[in-house]
C-alpha cells in the first residue's frame, strides 16, 4: 500500500515537473535571465565536465558567462559560493530534485545578495527611526515640561498681576482713608476746639488786648461759621449754642474791661480838681491850666489799647450780631462817661457866654473857623455857575441857533385868527 502511494506521489511529481516548464502554461515561469542561466548550465552539462577536473583557469573563463544580469560584481559572489560545495565534492547533484533544490538555494542567495544594500539601508533607516522616535520622545517630554512651565508662569503671572492690582487698590484705599482721616480730623477739630477755648477763657492771666485773645476770637468765628454751614452734622446745633455762649463770655470780658477803663479815667479826671482844692470851671485858673489834661489826657492812657481792640471788633461786626451789640454798648458807655465828665464844664461855659455876650450874639461865632466853610461854599458857587453857563449854551445851540420851524409855526395870520375865534 505504501509503495503504491509512493508511486502515485512520484507520478504526480513527474507530472508537475512536466508542467513545470510547459511552454504554454508553466507552473513556474522563468524570466529571460533565468532561462539564459539554465542554458549556460545545460551547455556545461553537455560538455561532460565535472567541477573536480576543471582547473582554476577554466573556472575563471566560465565566470563571465554566468553574468546573465550584466552586473558581474553583484552576481559573482553568490554564484561562486553555491558552486564551491560542488567543486569540493561536498555536494552532488544526482537527480532533478536535487538540482531544483540547489537552484532554489542559489536563487535565494542571489536575492539575498541583491537585497543586502537595501537591508543595510533598511537597518540605517530603522536606526534613524529609533533615533527620531527617541528625539520625538525627548521633544514631547520637553514640550510637556515647557507646557507645565508655561502654565506655572501663567499662574505666577496671574498671581503677580492680582497682587499688583490688589496693591494698587490698597494704595487707592489708603489714599482715600488718609484723605478721609484728614477730613475727619479737620471736621472734628472744630468740635474739639470748644474745650481748648473754654480752658483759655477761664485762665486768670488772659488779657483782652493780647494776641491770645485775638486768636480765641478768630477760632470762635471759624467754629461758628463752620457749624452754621454744616447743620446736618450731629450735635452741630448744640456746639453752635456753646460757641455763641463762649463768644458772649469773651465779649463780656471786653465790655467789662472797656467800662472799667472808662470809669477809671472819669474817676481820675473828677478826683484831680478836688485834690487841687478848686473847680475846673471856665472862669477859674484851674480850668485854664488843667482843662485839656483832665478832659483828654487821662483817656490817652488807654487810647492805644482800646483803639486796637475796637478796630478788631469793628472788623468782625458782620460775622456775628454779638460784635455789633458789643460795639454799640462800648460806644454808649463812652458817650455816657464823657457826658458825665463834660456836662458841668459845657453848661458852665454856655452860661458864662450867654451872660457875657447877652446882646451881641454875632461875636459868639469864631471867624477864624469859617475859612474852611468859605472855601467849600466858593467851590459850590463855582460849580453852580458853571452848570448854568453850560445849560444856557446848550439852549442857545439847540433851541435858537438850531431852530427849525415847522408849518404850524409859520401859519400866520391864520394862527392868530384862530386864536381870536377861541378867545
Protein backbone atom coordinates (compact mmCIF):
# COMPACT_ATOMS: atom_id res chain seq x y z
CA UNK A 1 0.00 0.00 0.00
CA UNK A 2 2.75 2.37 0.92
CA UNK A 3 4.66 1.56 -2.23
CA UNK A 4 1.59 2.28 -4.28
CA UNK A 5 1.20 5.65 -2.62
CA UNK A 6 4.86 6.35 -3.23
CA UNK A 7 4.46 5.52 -6.88
CA UNK A 8 1.41 7.79 -7.14
CA UNK A 9 3.29 10.63 -5.46
CA UNK A 10 6.26 10.14 -7.76
CA UNK A 11 3.91 10.11 -10.73
CA UNK A 12 2.31 13.30 -9.53
CA UNK A 13 5.74 14.84 -9.06
CA UNK A 14 6.76 13.92 -12.59
CA UNK A 15 3.54 15.31 -13.93
CA UNK A 16 4.18 18.51 -12.09
CA UNK A 17 7.74 18.56 -13.36
CA UNK A 18 6.44 18.02 -16.85
CA UNK A 19 4.18 21.00 -16.44
CA UNK A 20 6.97 22.97 -14.76
CA UNK A 21 8.42 24.34 -17.93
CA UNK A 22 5.39 23.98 -20.17
CA UNK A 23 5.69 26.49 -22.93
CA UNK A 24 2.00 27.44 -22.88
CA UNK A 25 1.15 27.33 -19.19
CA UNK A 26 4.20 26.63 -17.00
CA UNK A 27 3.78 26.14 -13.27
CA UNK A 28 6.86 28.25 -12.57
CA UNK A 29 7.54 30.62 -15.45
CA UNK A 30 11.14 31.71 -15.71
CA UNK A 31 12.40 35.11 -16.55
CA UNK A 32 14.62 35.73 -19.50
CA UNK A 33 17.71 35.96 -17.33
CA UNK A 34 16.84 32.70 -15.55
CA UNK A 35 16.38 30.92 -18.87
CA UNK A 36 19.80 32.16 -20.01
CA UNK A 37 21.35 30.83 -16.82
CA UNK A 38 19.73 27.41 -17.33
CA UNK A 39 21.01 27.30 -20.87
CA UNK A 40 24.50 28.03 -19.62
CA UNK A 41 24.22 25.19 -17.11
CA UNK A 42 22.89 22.86 -19.78
CA UNK A 43 25.83 23.64 -22.03
CA UNK A 44 28.21 22.85 -19.21
CA UNK A 45 26.49 19.54 -18.51
CA UNK A 46 26.58 18.55 -22.17
CA UNK A 47 30.34 19.06 -22.28
CA UNK A 48 30.57 16.34 -19.57
CA UNK A 49 32.85 18.33 -17.46
CA UNK A 50 32.89 17.93 -13.74
CA UNK A 51 33.97 20.53 -11.32
CA UNK A 52 36.66 18.18 -9.97
CA UNK A 53 38.51 18.10 -13.34
CA UNK A 54 38.22 21.76 -14.03
CA UNK A 55 41.21 23.87 -13.17
CA UNK A 56 41.18 27.35 -11.93
CA UNK A 57 41.73 28.86 -15.33
CA UNK A 58 38.67 27.19 -16.82
CA UNK A 59 36.53 28.26 -13.92
CA UNK A 60 37.75 31.82 -14.33
CA UNK A 61 36.97 31.64 -18.05
CA UNK A 62 33.47 30.36 -17.38
CA UNK A 63 32.65 33.02 -14.74
CA UNK A 64 31.99 35.82 -17.22
CA UNK A 65 29.42 33.67 -18.98
CA UNK A 66 27.42 33.39 -15.74
CA UNK A 67 26.89 37.19 -15.52
CA UNK A 68 23.43 36.99 -17.05
CA UNK A 69 22.27 40.22 -15.37
CA UNK A 70 25.05 42.40 -16.74
CA UNK A 71 26.32 43.06 -13.22
CA UNK A 72 29.38 40.90 -12.66
CA UNK A 73 30.23 42.10 -9.19
CA UNK A 74 26.67 41.70 -7.93
CA UNK A 75 26.18 38.01 -9.05
CA UNK A 76 29.69 36.52 -8.98
CA UNK A 77 29.87 36.25 -5.21
CA UNK A 78 26.72 34.15 -4.55
CA UNK A 79 27.20 32.02 -7.69
CA UNK A 80 30.74 31.02 -6.69
CA UNK A 81 29.57 30.31 -3.15
CA UNK A 82 26.92 27.90 -4.50
CA UNK A 83 29.39 26.20 -6.80
CA UNK A 84 32.01 25.78 -4.11
CA UNK A 85 30.37 22.72 -2.45
CA UNK A 86 30.01 21.08 -5.87
CA UNK A 87 33.64 21.75 -6.64
CA UNK A 88 34.85 20.31 -3.38
CA UNK A 89 32.66 17.25 -3.73
CA UNK A 90 30.73 18.02 -0.59
CA UNK A 91 27.53 18.11 -2.55
CA UNK A 92 26.48 16.25 -5.69
CA UNK A 93 23.53 16.58 -8.00
CA UNK A 94 22.26 13.14 -8.93
CA UNK A 95 18.61 13.90 -9.61
CA UNK A 96 16.43 16.66 -10.87
CA UNK A 97 15.04 17.15 -7.40
CA UNK A 98 18.49 17.87 -6.01
CA UNK A 99 19.10 20.21 -8.91
CA UNK A 100 15.93 22.14 -8.30
CA UNK A 101 16.73 22.30 -4.60
CA UNK A 102 20.23 23.53 -5.33
CA UNK A 103 18.86 26.02 -7.84
CA UNK A 104 16.30 27.38 -5.37
CA UNK A 105 19.09 27.85 -2.80
CA UNK A 106 21.18 29.60 -5.41
CA UNK A 107 18.27 31.85 -6.35
CA UNK A 108 17.58 32.64 -2.70
CA UNK A 109 21.22 33.53 -2.05
CA UNK A 110 21.27 35.73 -5.13
CA UNK A 111 18.15 37.52 -3.97
CA UNK A 112 19.65 37.97 -0.53
CA UNK A 113 22.83 39.34 -2.05
CA UNK A 114 20.87 41.73 -4.25
CA UNK A 115 18.87 42.98 -1.24
CA UNK A 116 21.92 43.32 1.01
CA UNK A 117 22.39 47.00 0.21
CA UNK A 118 18.73 47.67 0.84
CA UNK A 119 18.86 45.72 4.08
CA UNK A 120 21.78 47.84 5.22
CA UNK A 121 19.85 50.94 4.22
CA UNK A 122 16.78 49.50 5.96
CA UNK A 123 18.81 48.98 9.13
CA UNK A 124 20.07 52.54 8.87
CA UNK A 125 16.52 53.75 8.39
CA UNK A 126 15.37 51.68 11.35
CA UNK A 127 18.23 53.14 13.42
CA UNK A 128 17.31 56.64 12.28
CA UNK A 129 13.69 55.85 13.07
CA UNK A 130 14.69 54.79 16.57
CA UNK A 131 16.76 57.95 16.94
CA UNK A 132 13.88 60.04 15.65
CA UNK A 133 11.47 58.27 17.98
CA UNK A 134 13.80 58.90 20.89
CA UNK A 135 14.23 62.52 19.81
CA UNK A 136 10.48 62.82 19.40
CA UNK A 137 10.05 61.37 22.88
CA UNK A 138 12.51 63.89 24.28
CA UNK A 139 10.86 66.74 22.35
CA UNK A 140 7.45 65.61 23.58
CA UNK A 141 8.76 65.45 27.14
CA UNK A 142 10.36 68.86 26.71
CA UNK A 143 7.14 70.28 25.29
CA UNK A 144 5.23 68.81 28.22
CA UNK A 145 7.67 70.39 30.64
CA UNK A 146 7.51 73.68 28.74
CA UNK A 147 3.73 73.50 28.78
CA UNK A 148 3.80 72.91 32.52
CA UNK A 149 6.32 75.71 32.88
CA UNK A 150 4.09 77.97 30.79
CA UNK A 151 1.10 77.05 32.93
CA UNK A 152 3.12 77.75 36.06
CA UNK A 153 4.34 81.02 34.55
CA UNK A 154 0.76 81.97 33.69
CA UNK A 155 -0.30 81.07 37.22
CA UNK A 156 2.54 83.10 38.74
CA UNK A 157 1.87 85.95 36.29
CA UNK A 158 -1.82 85.97 37.19
CA UNK A 159 -0.94 85.90 40.87
CA UNK A 160 1.56 88.71 40.35
CA UNK A 161 -0.96 90.77 38.40
CA UNK A 162 -3.58 90.09 41.03
CA UNK A 163 -1.12 91.11 43.74
CA UNK A 164 -0.18 94.23 41.78
CA UNK A 165 -3.82 95.14 41.28
CA UNK A 166 -4.51 94.42 44.94
CA UNK A 167 -1.57 96.62 45.96
CA UNK A 168 -2.77 99.43 43.69
CA UNK A 169 -6.26 99.09 45.09
CA UNK A 170 -4.84 99.11 48.61
CA UNK A 171 -2.87 102.26 47.78
CA UNK A 172 -6.02 103.86 46.42
CA UNK A 173 -7.92 102.79 49.52
CA UNK A 174 -5.07 104.03 51.70
CA UNK A 175 -5.15 107.42 49.99
CA UNK A 176 -8.92 107.54 50.36
CA UNK A 177 -8.70 106.56 54.01
CA UNK A 178 -5.91 109.06 54.61
CA UNK A 179 -7.96 111.80 52.98
CA UNK A 180 -11.00 110.66 54.95
CA UNK A 181 -8.94 110.67 58.15
CA UNK A 182 -7.66 114.17 57.36
CA UNK A 183 -11.20 115.33 56.62
CA UNK A 184 -12.44 113.73 59.83
CA UNK A 185 -9.60 115.29 61.78
CA UNK A 186 -10.38 118.67 60.22
CA UNK A 187 -14.09 118.32 60.91
CA UNK A 188 -13.62 117.00 64.43
CA UNK A 189 -11.12 119.76 65.22
CA UNK A 190 -13.97 122.29 65.13
CA UNK A 191 -15.74 120.28 67.82
CA UNK A 192 -12.59 119.78 69.91
CA UNK A 193 -11.82 123.49 69.93
CA UNK A 194 -14.57 124.10 72.46
CA UNK A 195 -12.71 122.58 75.40
CA UNK A 196 -9.50 124.40 74.49
CA UNK A 197 -11.28 127.74 74.15
CA UNK A 198 -13.12 127.25 77.44
CA UNK A 199 -9.90 126.47 79.30
CA UNK A 200 -8.21 129.54 77.80
CA UNK A 201 -11.15 131.84 78.56
CA UNK A 202 -11.19 130.68 82.17
CA UNK A 203 -7.50 131.47 82.58
CA UNK A 204 -6.96 134.34 85.07
CA UNK A 205 -3.96 135.63 83.09
CA UNK A 206 -5.96 136.20 79.88
CA UNK A 207 -5.79 139.79 78.63
CA UNK A 208 -8.45 141.13 76.24
CA UNK A 209 -5.93 143.25 74.35
CA UNK A 210 -3.38 140.46 73.86
CA UNK A 211 -2.66 138.27 70.84
CA UNK A 212 -4.05 135.17 72.55
CA UNK A 213 -7.45 136.79 72.98
CA UNK A 214 -7.47 137.81 69.31
CA UNK A 215 -6.63 134.23 68.36
CA UNK A 216 -9.50 132.97 70.52
CA UNK A 217 -11.91 135.29 68.71
CA UNK A 218 -10.63 134.06 65.34
CA UNK A 219 -11.15 130.44 66.33
CA UNK A 220 -14.61 131.18 67.67
CA UNK A 221 -15.56 132.89 64.41
CA UNK A 222 -14.32 129.93 62.36
CA UNK A 223 -16.11 127.38 64.55
CA UNK A 224 -19.38 129.33 64.48
CA UNK A 225 -19.17 129.74 60.71
CA UNK A 226 -18.43 126.01 60.29
CA UNK A 227 -21.35 124.97 62.50
CA UNK A 228 -23.69 127.29 60.63
CA UNK A 229 -22.57 125.92 57.24
CA UNK A 230 -22.88 122.26 58.36
CA UNK A 231 -26.15 121.99 60.26
CA UNK A 232 -26.55 118.35 59.14
CA UNK A 233 -23.77 117.19 61.45
CA UNK A 234 -24.79 115.59 64.70
CA UNK A 235 -24.71 118.00 67.68
CA UNK A 236 -23.83 120.88 65.35
CA UNK A 237 -26.65 122.99 66.78
CA UNK A 238 -25.58 122.18 70.34
CA UNK A 239 -21.99 123.18 69.67
CA UNK A 240 -23.19 126.29 67.84
CA UNK A 241 -25.00 127.33 71.01
CA UNK A 242 -21.92 126.56 73.09
CA UNK A 243 -19.69 128.64 70.83
CA UNK A 244 -22.14 131.54 70.98
CA UNK A 245 -22.07 131.29 74.77
CA UNK A 246 -18.27 131.29 74.71
CA UNK A 247 -18.29 134.27 72.35
CA UNK A 248 -20.64 136.14 74.67
CA UNK A 249 -18.35 135.34 77.58
CA UNK A 250 -15.31 136.63 75.67
CA UNK A 251 -17.11 139.78 74.56
CA UNK A 252 -18.43 140.30 78.08
CA UNK A 253 -14.85 140.42 79.29
CA UNK A 254 -14.13 143.02 76.59
CA UNK A 255 -17.19 145.01 77.63
CA UNK A 256 -16.15 144.84 81.27
CA UNK A 257 -12.62 145.96 80.52
CA UNK A 258 -13.83 148.91 78.40
CA UNK A 259 -16.35 150.04 81.03
CA UNK A 260 -13.77 149.67 83.76
CA UNK A 261 -11.18 151.67 81.80
CA UNK A 262 -13.68 154.46 81.01
CA UNK A 263 -14.92 154.64 84.59
CA UNK A 264 -11.36 154.70 85.86
CA UNK A 265 -10.46 157.59 83.53
CA UNK A 266 -13.58 159.54 84.54
CA UNK A 267 -12.97 158.96 88.24
CA UNK A 268 -9.36 160.08 87.93
CA UNK A 269 -10.43 163.20 86.00
CA UNK A 270 -13.08 164.04 88.59
CA UNK A 271 -10.75 163.48 91.53
CA UNK A 272 -7.98 165.71 90.15
CA UNK A 273 -9.70 169.13 90.77
CA UNK A 274 -10.90 168.15 94.21
CA UNK A 275 -7.37 167.17 95.16
CA UNK A 276 -6.17 170.62 93.97
CA UNK A 277 -8.79 172.30 96.14
CA UNK A 278 -10.80 174.02 93.41
CA UNK A 279 -13.06 173.55 90.47
CA UNK A 280 -12.29 173.45 86.73
CA UNK A 281 -14.98 175.85 85.59
CA UNK A 282 -14.28 178.21 82.71
CA UNK A 283 -13.63 181.21 84.98
CA UNK A 284 -11.27 179.51 87.40
CA UNK A 285 -7.49 179.29 86.96
CA UNK A 286 -7.68 175.51 87.36
CA UNK A 287 -9.88 175.17 84.27
CA UNK A 288 -7.44 177.15 82.17
CA UNK A 289 -4.42 175.14 83.36
CA UNK A 290 -5.79 171.62 83.58
CA UNK A 291 -8.79 171.55 81.21
CA UNK A 292 -7.09 169.62 78.43
CA UNK A 293 -5.25 167.26 80.78
CA UNK A 294 -8.33 166.48 82.84
CA UNK A 295 -10.74 166.08 79.94
CA UNK A 296 -8.48 164.29 77.43
CA UNK A 297 -5.15 163.38 78.98
CA UNK A 298 -6.50 160.60 81.22
CA UNK A 299 -8.19 158.92 78.27
CA UNK A 300 -4.92 158.78 76.35
CA UNK A 301 -3.61 156.22 78.84
CA UNK A 302 -5.92 153.54 77.40
CA UNK A 303 -6.41 155.04 73.95
CA UNK A 304 -3.96 152.80 72.06
CA UNK A 305 -5.16 149.52 73.58
CA UNK A 306 -8.80 150.49 73.25
CA UNK A 307 -8.32 151.66 69.66
CA UNK A 308 -6.76 148.34 68.59
CA UNK A 309 -9.45 146.39 70.39
CA UNK A 310 -12.31 148.43 68.96
CA UNK A 311 -10.81 148.26 65.44
CA UNK A 312 -10.73 144.49 65.71
CA UNK A 313 -14.34 144.45 66.95
CA UNK A 314 -15.46 146.73 64.09
CA UNK A 315 -13.77 144.43 61.57
CA UNK A 316 -15.80 141.50 62.96
CA UNK A 317 -19.15 143.27 63.24
CA UNK A 318 -20.55 141.46 60.15
CA UNK A 319 -19.64 137.97 61.40
CA UNK A 320 -21.93 137.80 64.41
CA UNK A 321 -24.57 140.07 66.00
CA UNK A 322 -22.70 139.88 69.29
CA UNK A 323 -19.94 142.08 67.88
CA UNK A 324 -22.46 144.70 66.77
CA UNK A 325 -24.06 144.68 70.19
CA UNK A 326 -20.68 144.97 71.92
CA UNK A 327 -19.70 147.89 69.71
CA UNK A 328 -22.98 149.68 70.47
CA UNK A 329 -22.56 149.05 74.20
CA UNK A 330 -18.98 150.35 74.19
CA UNK A 331 -19.96 153.47 72.25
CA UNK A 332 -22.90 154.10 74.57
CA UNK A 333 -20.65 153.64 77.60
CA UNK A 334 -18.07 156.02 76.17
CA UNK A 335 -20.61 158.73 75.41
CA UNK A 336 -22.24 158.25 78.79
CA UNK A 337 -18.97 158.57 80.67
CA UNK A 338 -17.85 161.52 78.57
CA UNK A 339 -21.20 163.24 79.09
CA UNK A 340 -20.96 162.85 82.83
CA UNK A 341 -17.49 164.33 82.70
CA UNK A 342 -18.06 167.18 80.23
CA UNK A 343 -21.61 168.26 81.10
CA UNK A 344 -20.70 170.51 84.08
CA UNK A 345 -17.92 172.25 82.14
CA UNK A 346 -20.03 172.70 78.97
CA UNK A 347 -23.02 174.01 80.94
CA UNK A 348 -20.82 176.46 82.83
CA UNK A 349 -19.18 177.67 79.60
CA UNK A 350 -22.52 178.18 77.84
CA UNK A 351 -23.93 180.03 80.85
CA UNK A 352 -20.89 182.30 81.04
CA UNK A 353 -21.01 183.03 77.29
CA UNK A 354 -24.69 183.83 77.39
CA UNK A 355 -24.10 186.31 80.20
CA UNK A 356 -21.02 187.89 78.63
CA UNK A 357 -22.49 188.34 75.13
CA UNK A 358 -26.09 188.84 76.08
CA UNK A 359 -26.72 191.49 73.35
CA UNK A 360 -24.00 190.61 70.78
CA UNK A 361 -24.57 187.05 69.64
CA UNK A 362 -22.60 187.55 66.43
CA UNK A 363 -19.45 187.72 68.49
CA UNK A 364 -20.10 184.15 69.59
CA UNK A 365 -19.12 182.84 66.17
CA UNK A 366 -15.50 182.02 65.56
CA UNK A 367 -14.48 183.89 62.40
CA UNK A 368 -11.19 182.04 62.08
CA UNK A 369 -13.09 178.73 61.86
CA UNK A 370 -15.21 179.92 58.89
CA UNK A 371 -12.31 179.79 56.39
CA UNK A 372 -12.91 176.16 55.52
CA UNK A 373 -16.63 176.78 55.11
CA UNK A 374 -15.85 179.73 52.82
CA UNK A 375 -13.72 177.53 50.56
CA UNK A 376 -16.44 174.89 50.35
CA UNK A 377 -19.14 177.49 49.65
CA UNK A 378 -16.98 179.08 46.92
CA UNK A 379 -16.50 175.72 45.26
CA UNK A 380 -20.23 175.06 45.35
CA UNK A 381 -20.94 178.50 43.87
CA UNK A 382 -18.42 177.95 41.06
CA UNK A 383 -19.99 174.58 40.26
CA UNK A 384 -23.47 176.12 40.10
CA UNK A 385 -22.29 178.95 37.86
CA UNK A 386 -20.54 176.53 35.51
CA UNK A 387 -23.66 174.40 35.33
CA UNK A 388 -25.85 177.42 34.49
CA UNK A 389 -23.48 178.59 31.77
CA UNK A 390 -23.40 175.12 30.25
CA UNK A 391 -27.19 174.80 30.25
CA UNK A 392 -27.56 178.29 28.66
CA UNK A 393 -25.03 177.38 25.98
CA UNK A 394 -26.87 174.15 25.20
CA UNK A 395 -30.17 176.02 24.98
CA UNK A 396 -28.75 178.60 22.57
CA UNK A 397 -27.21 175.91 20.37
CA UNK A 398 -30.24 173.63 20.21
CA UNK A 399 -33.27 175.87 20.57
CA UNK A 400 -32.08 179.16 18.99
CA UNK A 401 -29.27 178.53 16.51
CA UNK A 402 -30.52 175.10 15.58
CA UNK A 403 -34.17 176.04 15.46
CA UNK A 404 -36.09 174.54 12.51
CA UNK A 405 -39.63 175.93 12.15
CA UNK A 406 -42.47 173.66 11.07
CA UNK A 407 -45.58 174.54 9.02
CA UNK A 408 -47.62 175.31 12.12
CA UNK A 409 -45.06 177.83 13.37
CA UNK A 410 -45.23 179.82 10.11
CA UNK A 411 -49.03 179.71 9.67
CA UNK A 412 -49.64 183.44 10.10
CA UNK A 413 -52.11 185.20 10.18
CA UNK A 414 -54.22 182.01 10.21
CA UNK A 415 -52.94 181.05 13.63
CA UNK A 416 -53.79 184.48 15.08
CA UNK A 417 -57.24 184.43 13.55
CA UNK A 418 -57.83 181.01 15.07
CA UNK A 419 -56.77 182.30 18.46
CA UNK A 420 -59.21 185.22 18.12
CA UNK A 421 -62.00 182.78 17.44
CA UNK A 422 -61.25 180.83 20.61
CA UNK A 423 -60.90 183.90 22.78
